[in-house]
Amino acid sequence: MQRRNFLVAGFAAFVAGCNEIGNSDWFGKVVEGAQGWHRGLHRTLGGGRIAMAPEYSRSDLSPYFRGNGSLSVDTEAYREAEAQGFANWQLSVGGLVDNPGALSLQDIRALPQRIQITRHDCVEGWSAIGEWTGPQLSTILEAAGVQPEANFIVFRCADKLNGGDYYESCDMDDAFHPQTIIAHRLNGEALPVKNGAPLRLRIERQLGYKHAKYLTGIEAVASLDDIEGGNGGYWEDRGYQWYAGI
């Protein structure tokens, strides 16, 4: 597992850093092929859709769970929401669903909750173990009534990096996986701002950049082609792999 994590992280860093090579059609085809191979191998070795990421005990919790990427959201709206304890925060649910709508933080807390202690692996090479609490994404999607033509779930975020809107996505296998949750608590406390308050995605079978923070919306779509850069995520639009399984 450690060796595979190292290879995935190294490949992602290589792709992100080699701009000249990365602009070639040949290299793009190599990346696409490697990503498909990695996704298929990960699903096969793990037993497919229901394979679970390792879970730990409270004695394994890291003494400090660092923040990474955006450590806050530099907007007046976010600062006001934080000052109000995120009482008016809304998570929209839309796209290819029968029942579009929005959930407040109170609504999120009222749903059945899953508590899981898992390890967060960052592409930069560090990891930390934390206890996350929140409803399973599948609960929200089932209530929304995802339509058959939907193939992906896109996650919209309040934060920006280098002027670009942060977003992420996953396929339906990961969207309905029991360990994919919308977390609002870390280690028994309300989610800290540096870790994505008030809501963040936990998609435990993938690397940290897939775990979108400051969630504002969930959208079911048939294709990722026309969304932002067309590669399924902020970092993916800058060369990272879309499927970042660990």
C-alpha atoms as a PDB file:
ATOM      1  CA  MET A   1       0.000   0.000   0.000  1.00  0.00           C
ATOM      2  CA  GLN A   2       2.763   2.486   0.906  1.00  0.00           C
ATOM      3  CA  ARG A   3       4.629   1.716  -2.308  1.00  0.00           C
ATOM      4  CA  ARG A   4       1.483   2.201  -4.400  1.00  0.00           C
ATOM      5  CA  ASN A   5       0.705   5.497  -2.616  1.00  0.00           C
ATOM      6  CA  PHE A   6       4.228   6.705  -3.369  1.00  0.00           C
ATOM      7  CA  LEU A   7       3.908   5.825  -7.042  1.00  0.00           C
ATOM      8  CA  VAL A   8       0.549   7.589  -7.362  1.00  0.00           C
ATOM      9  CA  ALA A   9       1.809  10.712  -5.599  1.00  0.00           C
ATOM     10  CA  GLY A  10       4.986  10.743  -7.637  1.00  0.00           C
ATOM     11  CA  PHE A  11       3.121  10.382 -10.900  1.00  0.00           C
ATOM     12  CA  ALA A  12       0.744  13.229 -10.012  1.00  0.00           C
ATOM     13  CA  ALA A  13       3.625  15.507  -9.074  1.00  0.00           C
ATOM     14  CA  PHE A  14       5.436  14.578 -12.280  1.00  0.00           C
ATOM     15  CA  VAL A  15       2.391  15.390 -14.389  1.00  0.00           C
ATOM     16  CA  ALA A  16       1.861  18.713 -12.600  1.00  0.00           C
ATOM     17  CA  GLY A  17       5.499  19.743 -12.975  1.00  0.00           C
ATOM     18  CA  CYS A  18       6.306  18.819 -16.566  1.00  0.00           C
ATOM     19  CA  ASN A  19       4.457  21.544 -18.449  1.00  0.00           C
ATOM     20  CA  GLU A  20       6.339  21.239 -21.727  1.00  0.00           C
ATOM     21  CA  ILE A  21       5.909  17.497 -22.023  1.00  0.00           C
ATOM     22  CA  GLY A  22       2.373  17.719 -20.667  1.00  0.00           C
ATOM     23  CA  ASN A  23       1.308  19.932 -23.562  1.00  0.00           C
ATOM     24  CA  SER A  24       1.997  17.217 -26.151  1.00  0.00           C
ATOM     25  CA  ASP A  25      -0.752  15.019 -27.596  1.00  0.00           C
ATOM     26  CA  TRP A  26       1.423  11.954 -27.039  1.00  0.00           C
ATOM     27  CA  PHE A  27       1.846  12.630 -23.342  1.00  0.00           C
ATOM     28  CA  GLY A  28      -1.878  13.290 -22.931  1.00  0.00           C
ATOM     29  CA  LYS A  29      -2.643   9.847 -24.327  1.00  0.00           C
ATOM     30  CA  VAL A  30      -0.101   8.245 -21.986  1.00  0.00           C
ATOM     31  CA  VAL A  31      -1.664   9.991 -18.979  1.00  0.00           C
ATOM     32  CA  GLU A  32      -5.167   8.938 -19.988  1.00  0.00           C
ATOM     33  CA  GLY A  33      -4.036   5.341 -20.422  1.00  0.00           C
ATOM     34  CA  ALA A  34      -2.214   5.247 -17.087  1.00  0.00           C
ATOM     35  CA  GLN A  35      -5.194   6.755 -15.306  1.00  0.00           C
ATOM     36  CA  GLY A  36      -7.574   4.186 -16.767  1.00  0.00           C
ATOM     37  CA  TRP A  37      -5.189   1.373 -15.855  1.00  0.00           C
ATOM     38  CA  HIS A  38      -4.825   2.692 -12.309  1.00  0.00           C
ATOM     39  CA  ARG A  39      -8.578   3.042 -11.835  1.00  0.00           C
ATOM     40  CA  GLY A  40      -9.279  -0.447 -13.142  1.00  0.00           C
ATOM     41  CA  LEU A  41      -6.502  -2.043 -11.089  1.00  0.00           C
ATOM     42  CA  HIS A  42      -7.588  -0.247  -7.932  1.00  0.00           C
ATOM     43  CA  ARG A  43     -11.186  -1.366  -8.331  1.00  0.00           C
ATOM     44  CA  THR A  44     -10.165  -4.928  -9.185  1.00  0.00           C
ATOM     45  CA  LEU A  45      -7.683  -5.360  -6.329  1.00  0.00           C
ATOM     46  CA  GLY A  46     -10.067  -3.759  -3.876  1.00  0.00           C
ATOM     47  CA  GLY A  47     -13.026  -5.890  -4.824  1.00  0.00           C
ATOM     48  CA  GLY A  48     -14.837  -3.178  -6.761  1.00  0.00           C
ATOM     49  CA  ARG A  49     -17.423  -0.753  -5.562  1.00  0.00           C
ATOM     50  CA  ILE A  50     -17.785  -2.017  -1.978  1.00  0.00           C
ATOM     51  CA  ALA A  51     -14.072  -2.219  -1.116  1.00  0.00           C
ATOM     52  CA  MET A  52     -13.507  -0.187   2.049  1.00  0.00           C
ATOM     53  CA  ALA A  53     -10.642   2.096   2.983  1.00  0.00           C
ATOM     54  CA  PRO A  54      -8.940   1.073   6.258  1.00  0.00           C
ATOM     55  CA  GLU A  55     -10.532   2.455   9.416  1.00  0.00           C
ATOM     56  CA  TYR A  56      -8.748   3.074  12.706  1.00  0.00           C
ATOM     57  CA  SER A  57      -9.450   3.561  16.410  1.00  0.00           C
ATOM     58  CA  ARG A  58      -9.473   6.814  18.365  1.00  0.00           C
ATOM     59  CA  SER A  59      -6.093   5.896  19.833  1.00  0.00           C
ATOM     60  CA  ASP A  60      -4.683   6.246  16.304  1.00  0.00           C
ATOM     61  CA  LEU A  61      -5.836   9.850  15.820  1.00  0.00           C
ATOM     62  CA  SER A  62      -3.112  12.241  14.727  1.00  0.00           C
ATOM     63  CA  PRO A  63      -2.310  14.902  17.359  1.00  0.00           C
ATOM     64  CA  TYR A  64      -2.697  17.604  14.691  1.00  0.00           C
ATOM     65  CA  PHE A  65      -4.655  17.489  11.450  1.00  0.00           C
ATOM     66  CA  ARG A  66      -3.124  20.123   9.217  1.00  0.00           C
ATOM     67  CA  GLY A  67      -4.960  22.215   6.695  1.00  0.00           C
ATOM     68  CA  ASN A  68      -3.790  22.287   3.083  1.00  0.00           C
ATOM     69  CA  GLY A  69      -4.564  24.258  -0.055  1.00  0.00           C
ATOM     70  CA  SER A  70      -7.071  26.961   0.843  1.00  0.00           C
ATOM     71  CA  LEU A  71      -7.044  27.592   4.588  1.00  0.00           C
ATOM     72  CA  SER A  72     -10.074  29.892   4.458  1.00  0.00           C
ATOM     73  CA  VAL A  73     -12.301  31.643   1.929  1.00  0.00           C
ATOM     74  CA  ASP A  74     -11.386  35.265   1.298  1.00  0.00           C
ATOM     75  CA  THR A  75     -14.853  36.688   0.694  1.00  0.00           C
ATOM     76  CA  GLU A  76     -17.127  38.913   2.740  1.00  0.00           C
ATOM     77  CA  ALA A  77     -19.959  36.394   2.364  1.00  0.00           C
ATOM     78  CA  TYR A  78     -17.853  33.609   3.873  1.00  0.00           C
ATOM     79  CA  ARG A  79     -16.642  35.780   6.756  1.00  0.00           C
ATOM     80  CA  GLU A  80     -20.232  36.712   7.554  1.00  0.00           C
ATOM     81  CA  ALA A  81     -21.296  33.066   7.386  1.00  0.00           C
ATOM     82  CA  GLU A  82     -18.461  32.081   9.742  1.00  0.00           C
ATOM     83  CA  ALA A  83     -19.441  34.829  12.197  1.00  0.00           C
ATOM     84  CA  GLN A  84     -22.986  33.441  12.217  1.00  0.00           C
ATOM     85  CA  GLY A  85     -21.809  29.893  12.860  1.00  0.00           C
ATOM     86  CA  PHE A  86     -22.775  28.961   9.280  1.00  0.00           C
ATOM     87  CA  ALA A  87     -26.432  28.963  10.340  1.00  0.00           C
ATOM     88  CA  ASN A  88     -27.529  30.106   6.866  1.00  0.00           C
ATOM     89  CA  TRP A  89     -25.107  27.975   4.824  1.00  0.00           C
ATOM     90  CA  GLN A  90     -26.776  26.156   1.948  1.00  0.00           C
ATOM     91  CA  LEU A  91     -25.679  23.059   0.039  1.00  0.00           C
ATOM     92  CA  SER A  92     -27.498  23.028  -3.288  1.00  0.00           C
ATOM     93  CA  VAL A  93     -28.375  19.709  -4.935  1.00  0.00           C
ATOM     94  CA  GLY A  94     -29.135  19.856  -8.647  1.00  0.00           C
ATOM     95  CA  GLY A  95     -28.336  18.794 -12.159  1.00  0.00           C
ATOM     96  CA  LEU A  96     -29.794  15.500 -13.357  1.00  0.00           C
ATOM     97  CA  VAL A  97     -32.014  14.854 -10.338  1.00  0.00           C
ATOM     98  CA  ASP A  98     -35.787  14.594  -9.910  1.00  0.00           C
ATOM     99  CA  ASN A  99     -35.895  16.661  -6.726  1.00  0.00           C
ATOM    100  CA  PRO A 100     -33.452  19.589  -6.838  1.00  0.00           C
ATOM    101  CA  GLY A 101     -33.165  21.709  -3.739  1.00  0.00           C
ATOM    102  CA  ALA A 102     -30.864  22.892  -0.979  1.00  0.00           C
ATOM    103  CA  LEU A 103     -29.860  21.615   2.451  1.00  0.00           C
ATOM    104  CA  SER A 104     -28.965  23.801   5.418  1.00  0.00           C
ATOM    105  CA  LEU A 105     -26.310  22.793   7.918  1.00  0.00           C
ATOM    106  CA  GLN A 106     -29.170  21.902  10.267  1.00  0.00           C
ATOM    107  CA  ASP A 107     -30.632  19.643   7.575  1.00  0.00           C
ATOM    108  CA  ILE A 108     -27.240  17.952   7.123  1.00  0.00           C
ATOM    109  CA  ARG A 109     -26.975  17.313  10.856  1.00  0.00           C
ATOM    110  CA  ALA A 110     -30.506  15.873  10.979  1.00  0.00           C
ATOM    111  CA  LEU A 111     -29.720  13.145   8.443  1.00  0.00           C
ATOM    112  CA  PRO A 112     -28.441   9.715   9.569  1.00  0.00           C
ATOM    113  CA  GLN A 113     -24.761  10.158  10.424  1.00  0.00           C
ATOM    114  CA  ARG A 114     -21.723   8.029   9.723  1.00  0.00           C
ATOM    115  CA  ILE A 115     -18.613   8.311  11.906  1.00  0.00           C
ATOM    116  CA  GLN A 116     -15.381   6.988  10.418  1.00  0.00           C
ATOM    117  CA  ILE A 117     -11.724   7.221  11.418  1.00  0.00           C
ATOM    118  CA  THR A 118      -9.588   7.194   8.305  1.00  0.00           C
ATOM    119  CA  ARG A 119      -6.197   8.263   7.002  1.00  0.00           C
ATOM    120  CA  HIS A 120      -5.903  11.294   4.758  1.00  0.00           C
ATOM    121  CA  ASP A 121      -3.087  10.869   2.232  1.00  0.00           C
ATOM    122  CA  CYS A 122      -1.878  14.034   0.514  1.00  0.00           C
ATOM    123  CA  VAL A 123      -0.212  14.032  -2.904  1.00  0.00           C
ATOM    124  CA  GLU A 124       2.564  16.087  -1.259  1.00  0.00           C
ATOM    125  CA  GLY A 125       3.572  13.046   0.793  1.00  0.00           C
ATOM    126  CA  TRP A 126       2.104  13.665   4.256  1.00  0.00           C
ATOM    127  CA  SER A 127      -0.775  11.855   5.945  1.00  0.00           C
ATOM    128  CA  ALA A 128      -2.960  12.224   9.045  1.00  0.00           C
ATOM    129  CA  ILE A 129      -5.648  10.159  10.732  1.00  0.00           C
ATOM    130  CA  GLY A 130      -8.896  11.870  11.702  1.00  0.00           C
ATOM    131  CA  GLU A 131     -12.426  11.058  12.798  1.00  0.00           C
ATOM    132  CA  TRP A 132     -15.042  12.396  10.404  1.00  0.00           C
ATOM    133  CA  THR A 133     -18.797  12.726  10.955  1.00  0.00           C
ATOM    134  CA  GLY A 134     -21.494  13.390   8.393  1.00  0.00           C
ATOM    135  CA  PRO A 135     -24.246  11.854   6.281  1.00  0.00           C
ATOM    136  CA  GLN A 136     -23.387   9.493   3.467  1.00  0.00           C
ATOM    137  CA  LEU A 137     -23.510  11.215   0.094  1.00  0.00           C
ATOM    138  CA  SER A 138     -25.698   8.331  -1.095  1.00  0.00           C
ATOM    139  CA  THR A 139     -28.426   9.385   1.365  1.00  0.00           C
ATOM    140  CA  ILE A 140     -28.562  12.845  -0.198  1.00  0.00           C
ATOM    141  CA  LEU A 141     -28.448  11.512  -3.758  1.00  0.00           C
ATOM    142  CA  GLU A 142     -31.172   8.956  -3.145  1.00  0.00           C
ATOM    143  CA  ALA A 143     -33.453  11.639  -1.716  1.00  0.00           C
ATOM    144  CA  ALA A 144     -32.716  13.857  -4.727  1.00  0.00           C
ATOM    145  CA  GLY A 145     -33.513  11.041  -7.162  1.00  0.00           C
ATOM    146  CA  VAL A 146     -30.493  10.854  -9.451  1.00  0.00           C
ATOM    147  CA  GLN A 147     -31.593  10.297 -13.030  1.00  0.00           C
ATOM    148  CA  PRO A 148     -30.285   7.287 -15.020  1.00  0.00           C
ATOM    149  CA  GLU A 149     -28.279   9.388 -17.486  1.00  0.00           C
ATOM    150  CA  ALA A 150     -26.119  10.874 -14.714  1.00  0.00           C
ATOM    151  CA  ASN A 151     -22.587   9.453 -14.723  1.00  0.00           C
ATOM    152  CA  PHE A 152     -20.729  11.812 -12.389  1.00  0.00           C
ATOM    153  CA  ILE A 153     -21.242  13.982  -9.330  1.00  0.00           C
ATOM    154  CA  VAL A 154     -19.611  17.428  -9.378  1.00  0.00           C
ATOM    155  CA  PHE A 155     -18.802  19.226  -6.123  1.00  0.00           C
ATOM    156  CA  ARG A 156     -18.845  23.029  -6.069  1.00  0.00           C
ATOM    157  CA  CYS A 157     -16.834  24.953  -3.496  1.00  0.00           C
ATOM    158  CA  ALA A 158     -16.672  28.485  -2.090  1.00  0.00           C
ATOM    159  CA  ASP A 159     -12.894  28.827  -2.293  1.00  0.00           C
ATOM    160  CA  LYS A 160     -10.637  29.907  -5.133  1.00  0.00           C
ATOM    161  CA  LEU A 161      -6.997  29.081  -5.842  1.00  0.00           C
ATOM    162  CA  ASN A 162      -4.951  31.366  -8.089  1.00  0.00           C
ATOM    163  CA  GLY A 163      -8.170  32.942  -9.314  1.00  0.00           C
ATOM    164  CA  GLY A 164      -9.804  29.646 -10.279  1.00  0.00           C
ATOM    165  CA  ASP A 165     -12.921  28.158  -8.690  1.00  0.00           C
ATOM    166  CA  TYR A 166     -12.169  24.973  -6.780  1.00  0.00           C
ATOM    167  CA  TYR A 167     -14.321  22.024  -7.770  1.00  0.00           C
ATOM    168  CA  GLU A 168     -14.099  18.251  -7.856  1.00  0.00           C
ATOM    169  CA  SER A 169     -15.991  15.238  -9.140  1.00  0.00           C
ATOM    170  CA  CYS A 170     -16.345  11.478  -8.824  1.00  0.00           C
ATOM    171  CA  ASP A 171     -18.104   8.636 -10.592  1.00  0.00           C
ATOM    172  CA  MET A 172     -21.206   6.909  -9.287  1.00  0.00           C
ATOM    173  CA  ASP A 173     -19.291   4.044  -7.686  1.00  0.00           C
ATOM    174  CA  ASP A 174     -17.512   6.461  -5.363  1.00  0.00           C
ATOM    175  CA  ALA A 175     -20.578   8.700  -4.954  1.00  0.00           C
ATOM    176  CA  PHE A 176     -22.591   5.787  -3.557  1.00  0.00           C
ATOM    177  CA  HIS A 177     -19.722   4.223  -1.620  1.00  0.00           C
ATOM    178  CA  PRO A 178     -20.580   3.915   2.110  1.00  0.00           C
ATOM    179  CA  GLN A 179     -17.441   5.807   3.169  1.00  0.00           C
ATOM    180  CA  THR A 180     -18.133   8.813   0.928  1.00  0.00           C
ATOM    181  CA  ILE A 181     -19.673  11.364   3.271  1.00  0.00           C
ATOM    182  CA  ILE A 182     -20.364  15.088   3.568  1.00  0.00           C
ATOM    183  CA  ALA A 183     -18.416  15.806   6.746  1.00  0.00           C
ATOM    184  CA  HIS A 184     -19.286  18.602   9.173  1.00  0.00           C
ATOM    185  CA  ARG A 185     -17.256  17.411  12.189  1.00  0.00           C
ATOM    186  CA  LEU A 186     -13.608  16.477  12.704  1.00  0.00           C
ATOM    187  CA  ASN A 187     -12.527  14.587  15.821  1.00  0.00           C
ATOM    188  CA  GLY A 188     -15.884  15.234  17.493  1.00  0.00           C
ATOM    189  CA  GLU A 189     -15.827  19.012  16.984  1.00  0.00           C
ATOM    190  CA  ALA A 190     -17.320  21.301  14.368  1.00  0.00           C
ATOM    191  CA  LEU A 191     -15.140  21.252  11.256  1.00  0.00           C
ATOM    192  CA  PRO A 192     -12.389  23.903  11.562  1.00  0.00           C
ATOM    193  CA  VAL A 193     -12.144  26.583   8.902  1.00  0.00           C
ATOM    194  CA  LYS A 194      -8.695  25.404   7.787  1.00  0.00           C
ATOM    195  CA  ASN A 195     -10.156  21.943   7.176  1.00  0.00           C
ATOM    196  CA  GLY A 196     -13.093  23.163   5.101  1.00  0.00           C
ATOM    197  CA  ALA A 197     -15.864  24.445   7.383  1.00  0.00           C
ATOM    198  CA  PRO A 198     -18.718  24.041   7.373  1.00  0.00           C
ATOM    199  CA  LEU A 199     -18.846  21.105   4.912  1.00  0.00           C
ATOM    200  CA  ARG A 200     -16.284  19.036   3.063  1.00  0.00           C
ATOM    201  CA  LEU A 201     -16.283  15.903   0.991  1.00  0.00           C
ATOM    202  CA  ARG A 202     -14.637  12.758   2.355  1.00  0.00           C
ATOM    203  CA  ILE A 203     -13.998  10.308  -0.463  1.00  0.00           C
ATOM    204  CA  GLU A 204     -11.811   7.935   1.481  1.00  0.00           C
ATOM    205  CA  ARG A 205     -10.452   5.770  -1.316  1.00  0.00           C
ATOM    206  CA  GLN A 206      -8.753   8.690  -3.072  1.00  0.00           C
ATOM    207  CA  LEU A 207      -5.937  11.172  -2.434  1.00  0.00           C
ATOM    208  CA  GLY A 208      -6.489  14.397  -0.516  1.00  0.00           C
ATOM    209  CA  TYR A 209      -7.027  16.802  -3.398  1.00  0.00           C
ATOM    210  CA  LYS A 210     -10.261  14.929  -4.203  1.00  0.00           C
ATOM    211  CA  HIS A 211     -11.684  15.793  -0.745  1.00  0.00           C
ATOM    212  CA  ALA A 212     -13.220  19.140  -1.700  1.00  0.00           C
ATOM    213  CA  LYS A 213     -13.664  21.732   1.069  1.00  0.00           C
ATOM    214  CA  TYR A 214     -16.120  24.599   1.681  1.00  0.00           C
ATOM    215  CA  LEU A 215     -18.864  22.764  -0.199  1.00  0.00           C
ATOM    216  CA  THR A 216     -21.672  24.841  -1.671  1.00  0.00           C
ATOM    217  CA  GLY A 217     -23.205  22.482  -4.203  1.00  0.00           C
ATOM    218  CA  ILE A 218     -23.618  18.967  -5.561  1.00  0.00           C
ATOM    219  CA  GLU A 219     -24.504  18.478  -9.218  1.00  0.00           C
ATOM    220  CA  ALA A 220     -25.319  15.259 -11.076  1.00  0.00           C
ATOM    221  CA  VAL A 221     -24.074  15.379 -14.680  1.00  0.00           C
ATOM    222  CA  ALA A 222     -23.793  13.094 -17.683  1.00  0.00           C
ATOM    223  CA  SER A 223     -20.359  14.380 -18.754  1.00  0.00           C
ATOM    224  CA  LEU A 224     -17.492  16.440 -17.351  1.00  0.00           C
ATOM    225  CA  ASP A 225     -16.449  17.809 -20.739  1.00  0.00           C
ATOM    226  CA  ASP A 226     -18.181  21.197 -20.485  1.00  0.00           C
ATOM    227  CA  ILE A 227     -17.442  21.874 -16.812  1.00  0.00           C
ATOM    228  CA  GLU A 228     -14.603  24.323 -16.124  1.00  0.00           C
ATOM    229  CA  GLY A 229     -11.499  22.889 -17.847  1.00  0.00           C
ATOM    230  CA  GLY A 230     -13.262  19.642 -18.731  1.00  0.00           C
ATOM    231  CA  ASN A 231     -11.018  17.333 -16.679  1.00  0.00           C
ATOM    232  CA  GLY A 232     -13.183  16.877 -13.597  1.00  0.00           C
ATOM    233  CA  GLY A 233     -11.446  19.038 -11.002  1.00  0.00           C
ATOM    234  CA  TYR A 234      -9.358  22.114 -10.237  1.00  0.00           C
ATOM    235  CA  TRP A 235      -6.072  20.203 -10.009  1.00  0.00           C
ATOM    236  CA  GLU A 236      -7.028  17.834 -12.791  1.00  0.00           C
ATOM    237  CA  ASP A 237      -7.377  20.864 -15.089  1.00  0.00           C
ATOM    238  CA  ARG A 238      -3.738  21.557 -14.174  1.00  0.00           C
ATOM    239  CA  GLY A 239      -2.389  18.085 -14.922  1.00  0.00           C
ATOM    240  CA  TYR A 240      -3.271  15.836 -11.979  1.00  0.00           C
ATOM    241  CA  GLN A 241      -5.009  12.504 -12.460  1.00  0.00           C
ATOM    242  CA  TRP A 242      -8.800  12.555 -12.231  1.00  0.00           C
ATOM    243  CA  TYR A 243      -8.857   9.154 -10.546  1.00  0.00           C
ATOM    244  CA  ALA A 244      -6.535   9.310  -7.519  1.00  0.00           C
ATOM    245  CA  GLY A 245      -7.200   5.971  -5.843  1.00  0.00           C
ATOM    246  CA  ILE A 246      -5.068   4.791  -2.913  1.00  0.00           C
END
